[in-house]
Amino acid sequence: MRNEEMLLIPGPTPVVDSIYDAMASETRSHTDPRFVEIYKRSIERTRELLKTDGEVFVVSGSGTIGMEMALVNTVAAGERLLVISHGYFGDRFIQLGQAFGIEMDVLQAEWGKQVAPEEVERKLSERTYKAVTITHADTSTGVAADLEAIVPIVKKHGALVILDGVCATAAMEEDMSKEYGNPGYTIDVVLTGSQKAIGVPPGLAIVAFNKTALAAREQMDRVPAYYCDIKNWIPIMHDPSKYFATPPVNLIYGYDEGMRLLMEEGLEKRYARHSAFGRGVRAALREYGMNPLAEEEVAASTLSCLLYPEGVNDAEFRSALAKKGVIVAGALAHLAGKAFRIGHMGNTTEEMLISAIEKIGETLNEIGHAVSIEQAVNRFKEIN
């Protein structure tokens, strides 16, 4: 990679040269048959990734646009939504729901913990919900949702499952054809962005609806949206030569290449790689006294939130590490200054993570927190 720094934040993530090269291709008209073919192929690759029986949408925007598109096309004002939150980004659905007049209840886990399936069962037994939002991997905490436990409960109670895959898609399984325990118990909507485990620069919102979710949109006379109304996008996704809103031509070039690389690696191999990276990074950094916020059984494959050992100053540590070419992210909300977040997803390689572990150790030693770099690297290698 020709990147000068290792961008190991929870997104954007490192971009490989072939994606940069694709994006540097000549900008063509959005109706040019050569571009239309690339756009169409990227849409089909998205369908292959998520395995939906409905529609996929690849449009300009961030993950937040994806969240909005997922919500306004399935839940109307006055209908009720259950938000299952494992951190800051799960909570974002609260503000979205409020903006559109949706009635909401929220199950918020203690940061670093999962919402218990028993709590979901209890809540869904108390009243009727149109949909339930689940953040697959919360970017603030590094906690992964237990889909095997939660999806069957939600579907048993007749609600739609809306899965926020922003920090999980292409690294953790999100198979919309998979049945969770019973026939028809599937994920109904998945939303994500281009800049995390897919490994493409920011700027694309990717959303998939199954047939059940599409039927929910058909039952709504109108939605409080124009750009985010999927009815305006379905004709474009079927035939990208048609026009609704101008697509980001060069970013689509890059996305198509990112999806090609993803499929070339193979989904099962990719999921296993991310799992091993996550476990390896956390094991290595424990050797430095940096304990993960999330216990291993609930930890995401894509990023980790690490608590500092006593005496380590957040700003000093991250600034010194950045001078070595390794960029990590600060923690959010009440954990600010007490922890940092490191991404290990997308195009990140084993060599990059070993180098990062070494440089984190060097930084700790330099600021007076003695650690064994060799021991930490060996722990990573044991797992990878």
Protein backbone atom coordinates (compact mmCIF):
# COMPACT_ATOMS: atom_id res chain seq x y z
CA MET A 1 0.00 0.00 0.00
CA ARG A 2 1.22 3.50 -0.76
CA ASN A 3 -0.42 4.93 2.37
CA GLU A 4 2.10 6.91 4.44
CA GLU A 5 0.36 6.08 7.72
CA MET A 6 -1.39 3.05 9.16
CA LEU A 7 -4.94 4.26 9.67
CA LEU A 8 -6.05 1.87 12.39
CA ILE A 9 -9.16 3.69 13.54
CA PRO A 10 -12.62 2.09 13.38
CA GLY A 11 -13.10 3.72 9.97
CA PRO A 12 -12.09 4.94 7.49
CA THR A 13 -9.72 2.01 7.11
CA PRO A 14 -6.62 1.48 4.93
CA VAL A 15 -7.16 1.63 1.16
CA VAL A 16 -5.14 -0.61 -1.18
CA ASP A 17 -3.46 0.64 -4.32
CA SER A 18 -5.82 -1.07 -6.76
CA ILE A 19 -8.77 0.81 -5.23
CA TYR A 20 -6.89 4.10 -5.46
CA ASP A 21 -6.02 3.28 -9.07
CA ALA A 22 -9.64 2.48 -9.90
CA MET A 23 -10.78 5.77 -8.41
CA ALA A 24 -8.16 7.61 -10.47
CA SER A 25 -9.75 6.38 -13.69
CA GLU A 26 -11.24 8.93 -16.05
CA THR A 27 -14.50 10.41 -14.83
CA ARG A 28 -17.26 9.52 -17.25
CA SER A 29 -20.89 10.48 -17.56
CA HIS A 30 -23.13 8.68 -15.12
CA THR A 31 -25.11 7.49 -18.16
CA ASP A 32 -22.05 6.29 -20.09
CA PRO A 33 -22.54 2.56 -20.86
CA ARG A 34 -19.02 1.85 -19.56
CA PHE A 35 -19.83 3.36 -16.17
CA VAL A 36 -23.30 1.83 -16.12
CA GLU A 37 -21.75 -1.62 -16.50
CA ILE A 38 -19.42 -1.03 -13.53
CA TYR A 39 -22.25 0.31 -11.36
CA LYS A 40 -24.45 -2.65 -12.27
CA ARG A 41 -21.66 -5.10 -11.43
CA SER A 42 -21.05 -3.47 -8.06
CA ILE A 43 -24.75 -3.76 -7.24
CA GLU A 44 -24.73 -7.45 -8.13
CA ARG A 45 -21.64 -8.02 -5.99
CA THR A 46 -23.43 -6.33 -3.11
CA ARG A 47 -26.35 -8.69 -3.58
CA GLU A 48 -23.91 -11.62 -3.54
CA LEU A 49 -22.37 -10.35 -0.29
CA LEU A 50 -25.67 -9.92 1.58
CA LYS A 51 -27.69 -12.66 -0.15
CA THR A 52 -31.01 -10.85 -0.05
CA ASP A 53 -34.14 -11.95 -1.91
CA GLY A 54 -35.17 -8.30 -2.24
CA GLU A 55 -33.33 -5.15 -3.31
CA VAL A 56 -29.93 -3.61 -2.66
CA PHE A 57 -29.13 0.10 -2.81
CA VAL A 58 -25.68 1.62 -3.36
CA VAL A 59 -25.99 5.42 -3.13
CA SER A 60 -24.03 8.54 -2.21
CA GLY A 61 -23.99 9.07 1.54
CA SER A 62 -22.60 7.84 4.83
CA GLY A 63 -23.74 5.09 7.16
CA THR A 64 -26.12 7.60 8.71
CA ILE A 65 -27.94 7.93 5.37
CA GLY A 66 -28.19 4.14 5.41
CA MET A 67 -29.73 4.23 8.89
CA GLU A 68 -32.25 6.82 7.76
CA MET A 69 -33.12 4.91 4.59
CA ALA A 70 -33.64 1.72 6.59
CA LEU A 71 -35.91 3.42 9.12
CA VAL A 72 -38.13 5.73 7.06
CA ASN A 73 -39.01 2.99 4.58
CA THR A 74 -40.17 0.52 7.21
CA VAL A 75 -41.53 2.40 10.25
CA ALA A 76 -44.10 5.19 9.98
CA ALA A 77 -44.71 8.07 12.36
CA GLY A 78 -46.73 6.81 15.32
CA GLU A 79 -45.54 3.22 14.92
CA ARG A 80 -43.25 1.77 17.54
CA LEU A 81 -39.58 0.88 17.28
CA LEU A 82 -37.39 -1.02 19.75
CA VAL A 83 -33.76 0.09 19.78
CA ILE A 84 -31.22 -2.43 21.05
CA SER A 85 -28.13 -0.39 21.85
CA HIS A 86 -24.63 -1.53 22.75
CA GLY A 87 -23.14 1.94 22.68
CA TYR A 88 -23.02 5.39 21.10
CA PHE A 89 -24.01 4.34 17.59
CA GLY A 90 -26.87 2.14 18.72
CA ASP A 91 -28.19 5.24 20.47
CA ARG A 92 -28.17 7.15 17.19
CA PHE A 93 -31.37 5.38 16.19
CA ILE A 94 -33.05 7.23 19.06
CA GLN A 95 -32.39 10.62 17.45
CA LEU A 96 -33.41 9.29 14.05
CA GLY A 97 -36.68 7.93 15.39
CA GLN A 98 -37.44 11.19 17.16
CA ALA A 99 -36.82 13.15 13.95
CA PHE A 100 -39.51 11.15 12.14
CA GLY A 101 -42.13 10.95 14.88
CA ILE A 102 -41.58 7.27 15.58
CA GLU A 103 -42.53 5.95 19.01
CA MET A 104 -39.58 4.26 20.68
CA ASP A 105 -38.42 2.11 23.50
CA VAL A 106 -34.74 1.48 24.15
CA LEU A 107 -32.75 -1.36 25.65
CA GLN A 108 -29.31 0.03 26.49
CA ALA A 109 -26.52 -2.24 27.62
CA GLU A 110 -23.82 -1.13 30.01
CA TRP A 111 -20.90 -0.18 27.78
CA GLY A 112 -18.81 -3.28 27.15
CA LYS A 113 -21.76 -5.62 27.75
CA GLN A 114 -24.51 -7.11 25.57
CA VAL A 115 -28.22 -6.60 25.96
CA ALA A 116 -29.48 -9.89 27.40
CA PRO A 117 -31.85 -11.91 25.19
CA GLU A 118 -34.19 -12.20 28.19
CA GLU A 119 -34.56 -8.42 28.21
CA VAL A 120 -35.45 -8.44 24.51
CA GLU A 121 -38.04 -11.17 25.11
CA ARG A 122 -39.53 -9.25 28.00
CA LYS A 123 -39.79 -6.02 26.05
CA LEU A 124 -41.33 -7.62 22.98
CA SER A 125 -43.86 -9.43 25.16
CA GLU A 126 -45.05 -6.15 26.67
CA ARG A 127 -46.20 -4.45 23.45
CA THR A 128 -46.19 -4.62 19.67
CA TYR A 129 -43.26 -3.22 17.70
CA LYS A 130 -43.04 -2.64 13.97
CA ALA A 131 -39.27 -3.14 13.95
CA VAL A 132 -36.21 -3.69 16.11
CA THR A 133 -32.82 -2.13 15.39
CA ILE A 134 -29.65 -4.03 16.23
CA THR A 135 -26.12 -2.69 15.85
CA HIS A 136 -24.04 -5.67 14.77
CA ALA A 137 -20.75 -4.20 16.03
CA ASP A 138 -20.87 -0.94 17.92
CA THR A 139 -18.01 1.33 16.87
CA SER A 140 -17.82 2.97 20.30
CA THR A 141 -17.50 -0.12 22.45
CA GLY A 142 -16.31 -3.01 20.27
CA VAL A 143 -19.29 -5.09 21.39
CA ALA A 144 -20.92 -7.47 18.90
CA ALA A 145 -24.62 -8.31 19.07
CA ASP A 146 -25.65 -11.93 19.54
CA LEU A 147 -27.71 -12.38 16.38
CA GLU A 148 -28.20 -16.09 16.97
CA ALA A 149 -30.04 -15.30 20.19
CA ILE A 150 -31.80 -12.03 19.33
CA VAL A 151 -33.06 -12.51 15.76
CA PRO A 152 -35.32 -15.51 16.60
CA ILE A 153 -36.89 -13.60 19.49
CA VAL A 154 -37.64 -10.59 17.32
CA LYS A 155 -39.08 -12.65 14.49
CA LYS A 156 -41.20 -14.73 16.85
CA HIS A 157 -42.92 -11.52 17.88
CA GLY A 158 -43.53 -10.46 14.28
CA ALA A 159 -41.22 -7.44 14.12
CA LEU A 160 -38.78 -6.51 11.37
CA VAL A 161 -35.06 -6.93 12.07
CA ILE A 162 -33.05 -3.87 11.00
CA LEU A 163 -29.32 -4.60 11.29
CA ASP A 164 -26.79 -1.78 11.42
CA GLY A 165 -23.77 -3.41 9.82
CA VAL A 166 -21.67 -0.27 9.42
CA CYS A 167 -18.75 -1.67 11.43
CA ALA A 168 -19.38 -5.32 10.58
CA THR A 169 -20.41 -5.87 6.96
CA ALA A 170 -17.81 -7.85 4.96
CA ALA A 171 -16.04 -8.91 8.18
CA MET A 172 -18.82 -10.61 10.17
CA GLU A 173 -21.51 -12.79 8.60
CA GLU A 174 -24.65 -10.93 7.51
CA ASP A 175 -26.39 -13.51 5.36
CA MET A 176 -29.94 -12.33 4.73
CA SER A 177 -30.92 -15.75 3.38
CA LYS A 178 -29.98 -17.43 6.67
CA GLU A 179 -32.86 -18.66 8.81
CA TYR A 180 -32.36 -18.26 12.54
CA GLY A 181 -33.98 -21.30 14.06
CA ASN A 182 -37.28 -21.31 12.16
CA PRO A 183 -38.42 -20.86 8.55
CA GLY A 184 -38.73 -17.19 7.70
CA TYR A 185 -36.73 -16.01 10.70
CA THR A 186 -34.31 -13.85 8.71
CA ILE A 187 -32.73 -10.41 8.88
CA ASP A 188 -34.95 -7.98 6.98
CA VAL A 189 -32.72 -4.93 6.44
CA VAL A 190 -28.94 -4.53 6.51
CA LEU A 191 -27.27 -1.14 6.21
CA THR A 192 -23.61 -0.23 6.02
CA GLY A 193 -21.02 2.20 4.64
CA SER A 194 -18.12 1.83 2.26
CA GLN A 195 -15.31 2.94 4.57
CA LYS A 196 -14.96 0.23 7.18
CA ALA A 197 -14.60 -3.51 6.58
CA ILE A 198 -15.29 -3.10 2.86
CA GLY A 199 -12.13 -0.98 2.77
CA VAL A 200 -13.17 1.74 0.33
CA PRO A 201 -13.01 5.50 1.10
CA PRO A 202 -16.06 7.10 2.75
CA GLY A 203 -19.00 8.28 0.69
CA LEU A 204 -21.29 5.35 -0.07
CA ALA A 205 -24.31 4.10 1.85
CA ILE A 206 -25.20 0.48 1.15
CA VAL A 207 -28.62 -0.85 2.19
CA ALA A 208 -30.39 -4.15 1.50
CA PHE A 209 -34.09 -4.90 1.97
CA ASN A 210 -35.61 -8.38 1.83
CA LYS A 211 -39.09 -8.99 0.44
CA THR A 212 -40.70 -8.61 3.85
CA ALA A 213 -39.15 -5.19 4.33
CA LEU A 214 -40.13 -4.18 0.80
CA ALA A 215 -43.71 -5.19 1.59
CA ALA A 216 -43.59 -2.90 4.63
CA ARG A 217 -42.67 -0.01 2.37
CA GLU A 218 -45.56 -0.86 0.02
CA GLN A 219 -47.97 -0.63 2.93
CA MET A 220 -46.85 2.94 3.62
CA ASP A 221 -48.69 5.51 1.55
CA ARG A 222 -45.76 7.91 1.67
CA VAL A 223 -42.55 8.39 3.63
CA PRO A 224 -41.02 11.59 5.08
CA ALA A 225 -38.14 11.48 2.62
CA TYR A 226 -37.24 12.13 -0.99
CA TYR A 227 -33.61 11.11 -1.46
CA CYS A 228 -34.02 8.26 1.04
CA ASP A 229 -37.28 6.91 -0.41
CA ILE A 230 -36.32 3.52 -1.83
CA LYS A 231 -39.12 3.78 -4.41
CA ASN A 232 -37.06 6.48 -6.11
CA TRP A 233 -34.00 4.23 -6.16
CA ILE A 234 -35.39 0.84 -7.17
CA PRO A 235 -35.57 1.72 -10.91
CA ILE A 236 -31.94 2.94 -10.78
CA MET A 237 -30.69 -0.21 -9.07
CA HIS A 238 -32.40 -2.28 -11.78
CA ASP A 239 -31.05 -0.10 -14.59
CA PRO A 240 -28.25 2.32 -13.59
CA SER A 241 -28.53 4.11 -16.94
CA LYS A 242 -31.67 5.77 -15.58
CA TYR A 243 -31.40 8.95 -13.55
CA PHE A 244 -32.61 9.95 -10.11
CA ALA A 245 -29.57 11.48 -8.38
CA THR A 246 -26.05 11.64 -9.79
CA PRO A 247 -23.93 8.75 -8.47
CA PRO A 248 -20.33 9.37 -7.32
CA VAL A 249 -18.75 7.95 -10.47
CA ASN A 250 -15.16 7.57 -9.29
CA LEU A 251 -16.17 6.24 -5.89
CA ILE A 252 -18.26 3.57 -7.62
CA TYR A 253 -15.12 2.59 -9.55
CA GLY A 254 -13.34 2.12 -6.23
CA TYR A 255 -16.26 0.30 -4.64
CA ASP A 256 -16.46 -2.15 -7.53
CA GLU A 257 -12.77 -2.93 -7.11
CA GLY A 258 -13.20 -3.29 -3.35
CA MET A 259 -16.03 -5.74 -3.87
CA ARG A 260 -13.94 -7.66 -6.40
CA LEU A 261 -11.14 -8.05 -3.85
CA LEU A 262 -13.64 -9.08 -1.21
CA MET A 263 -15.14 -11.81 -3.38
CA GLU A 264 -11.71 -12.94 -4.54
CA GLU A 265 -10.68 -13.51 -0.92
CA GLY A 266 -13.89 -15.43 -0.20
CA LEU A 267 -16.40 -14.61 2.49
CA GLU A 268 -15.69 -17.49 4.87
CA LYS A 269 -11.95 -16.90 4.68
CA ARG A 270 -12.53 -13.19 5.21
CA TYR A 271 -14.71 -13.73 8.28
CA ALA A 272 -12.11 -16.09 9.76
CA ARG A 273 -9.30 -13.59 9.11
CA HIS A 274 -11.15 -10.81 10.89
CA SER A 275 -11.97 -13.02 13.85
CA ALA A 276 -8.31 -14.04 14.21
CA PHE A 277 -7.13 -10.43 13.85
CA GLY A 278 -9.47 -9.25 16.58
CA ARG A 279 -8.53 -12.02 18.99
CA GLY A 280 -4.85 -11.58 18.24
CA VAL A 281 -4.78 -7.81 18.74
CA ARG A 282 -6.66 -8.04 22.04
CA ALA A 283 -4.41 -10.85 23.31
CA ALA A 284 -1.30 -8.88 22.35
CA LEU A 285 -2.39 -5.63 23.96
CA ARG A 286 -3.39 -7.41 27.16
CA GLU A 287 0.34 -8.12 27.51
CA TYR A 288 0.76 -4.35 27.77
CA GLY A 289 -1.87 -4.06 30.50
CA MET A 290 -4.41 -2.72 28.00
CA ASN A 291 -7.59 -4.60 28.79
CA PRO A 292 -10.47 -4.73 26.28
CA LEU A 293 -13.69 -3.05 27.32
CA ALA A 294 -15.62 -6.00 25.87
CA GLU A 295 -14.98 -9.50 27.16
CA GLU A 296 -13.78 -11.88 24.46
CA GLU A 297 -17.11 -13.73 24.16
CA VAL A 298 -18.92 -10.51 23.17
CA ALA A 299 -16.10 -8.76 21.29
CA ALA A 300 -16.42 -7.70 17.66
CA SER A 301 -14.02 -8.91 14.97
CA THR A 302 -13.54 -5.46 13.49
CA LEU A 303 -12.40 -3.13 16.27
CA SER A 304 -11.44 -3.13 19.93
CA CYS A 305 -11.78 -0.55 22.68
CA LEU A 306 -8.80 -0.83 25.04
CA LEU A 307 -8.64 0.64 28.53
CA TYR A 308 -5.37 2.31 29.45
CA PRO A 309 -3.22 1.01 32.28
CA GLU A 310 -2.94 3.41 35.18
CA GLY A 311 -0.67 6.36 34.48
CA VAL A 312 -0.97 6.41 30.67
CA ASN A 313 -2.13 9.77 29.33
CA ASP A 314 -4.43 9.40 26.32
CA ALA A 315 -3.38 12.50 24.40
CA GLU A 316 0.32 11.89 25.02
CA PHE A 317 0.09 8.25 24.00
CA ARG A 318 -1.90 8.75 20.79
CA SER A 319 0.17 11.77 19.75
CA ALA A 320 3.46 9.88 20.23
CA LEU A 321 2.04 6.86 18.38
CA ALA A 322 0.89 9.05 15.48
CA LYS A 323 4.44 10.35 15.08
CA LYS A 324 5.43 6.72 14.45
CA GLY A 325 2.82 6.52 11.69
CA VAL A 326 0.12 4.61 13.56
CA ILE A 327 -3.22 6.37 13.93
CA VAL A 328 -5.70 5.08 16.51
CA ALA A 329 -8.92 6.68 17.76
CA GLY A 330 -9.85 8.10 21.12
CA ALA A 331 -12.74 6.67 23.09
CA LEU A 332 -16.17 8.29 23.16
CA ALA A 333 -18.50 9.72 25.83
CA HIS A 334 -17.59 8.79 29.42
CA LEU A 335 -14.61 6.71 28.24
CA ALA A 336 -12.87 9.68 26.61
CA GLY A 337 -9.31 9.86 27.95
CA LYS A 338 -9.62 6.45 29.60
CA ALA A 339 -9.36 4.23 26.52
CA PHE A 340 -8.55 4.16 22.82
CA ARG A 341 -10.04 2.30 19.88
CA ILE A 342 -8.13 0.35 17.26
CA GLY A 343 -9.54 -1.01 14.02
CA HIS A 344 -8.37 -4.33 12.58
CA MET A 345 -10.54 -4.74 9.53
CA GLY A 346 -10.91 -4.41 5.79
CA ASN A 347 -7.60 -4.25 3.94
CA THR A 348 -5.58 -4.32 7.17
CA THR A 349 -2.88 -7.00 7.00
CA GLU A 350 -1.15 -9.23 9.53
CA GLU A 351 2.11 -7.38 8.90
CA MET A 352 0.46 -4.02 9.61
CA LEU A 353 -0.99 -5.23 12.91
CA ILE A 354 2.32 -6.71 14.05
CA SER A 355 4.02 -3.40 13.24
CA ALA A 356 1.31 -1.52 15.15
CA ILE A 357 1.70 -3.79 18.19
CA GLU A 358 5.46 -3.16 18.12
CA LYS A 359 5.03 0.61 17.85
CA ILE A 360 2.43 0.68 20.63
CA GLY A 361 4.93 -1.16 22.82
CA GLU A 362 7.72 1.23 21.85
CA THR A 363 5.51 4.19 22.70
CA LEU A 364 4.57 2.77 26.08
CA ASN A 365 8.22 2.15 26.90
CA GLU A 366 9.13 5.70 25.88
CA ILE A 367 6.49 7.26 28.12
CA GLY A 368 7.62 5.22 31.12
CA HIS A 369 5.30 2.20 31.04
CA ALA A 370 7.68 -0.77 30.64
CA VAL A 371 6.35 -3.64 28.51
CA SER A 372 7.67 -6.65 26.59
CA ILE A 373 7.13 -6.12 22.87
CA GLU A 374 8.37 -9.60 21.97
CA GLN A 375 5.86 -11.22 24.30
CA ALA A 376 2.98 -9.20 22.84
CA VAL A 377 3.93 -9.97 19.23
CA ASN A 378 4.23 -13.67 20.04
CA ARG A 379 0.72 -13.66 21.51
CA PHE A 380 -0.61 -12.17 18.26
CA LYS A 381 1.26 -14.74 16.18
CA GLU A 382 -0.04 -17.63 18.28
CA ILE A 383 -3.56 -16.76 17.13
CA ASN A 384 -2.73 -15.70 13.59
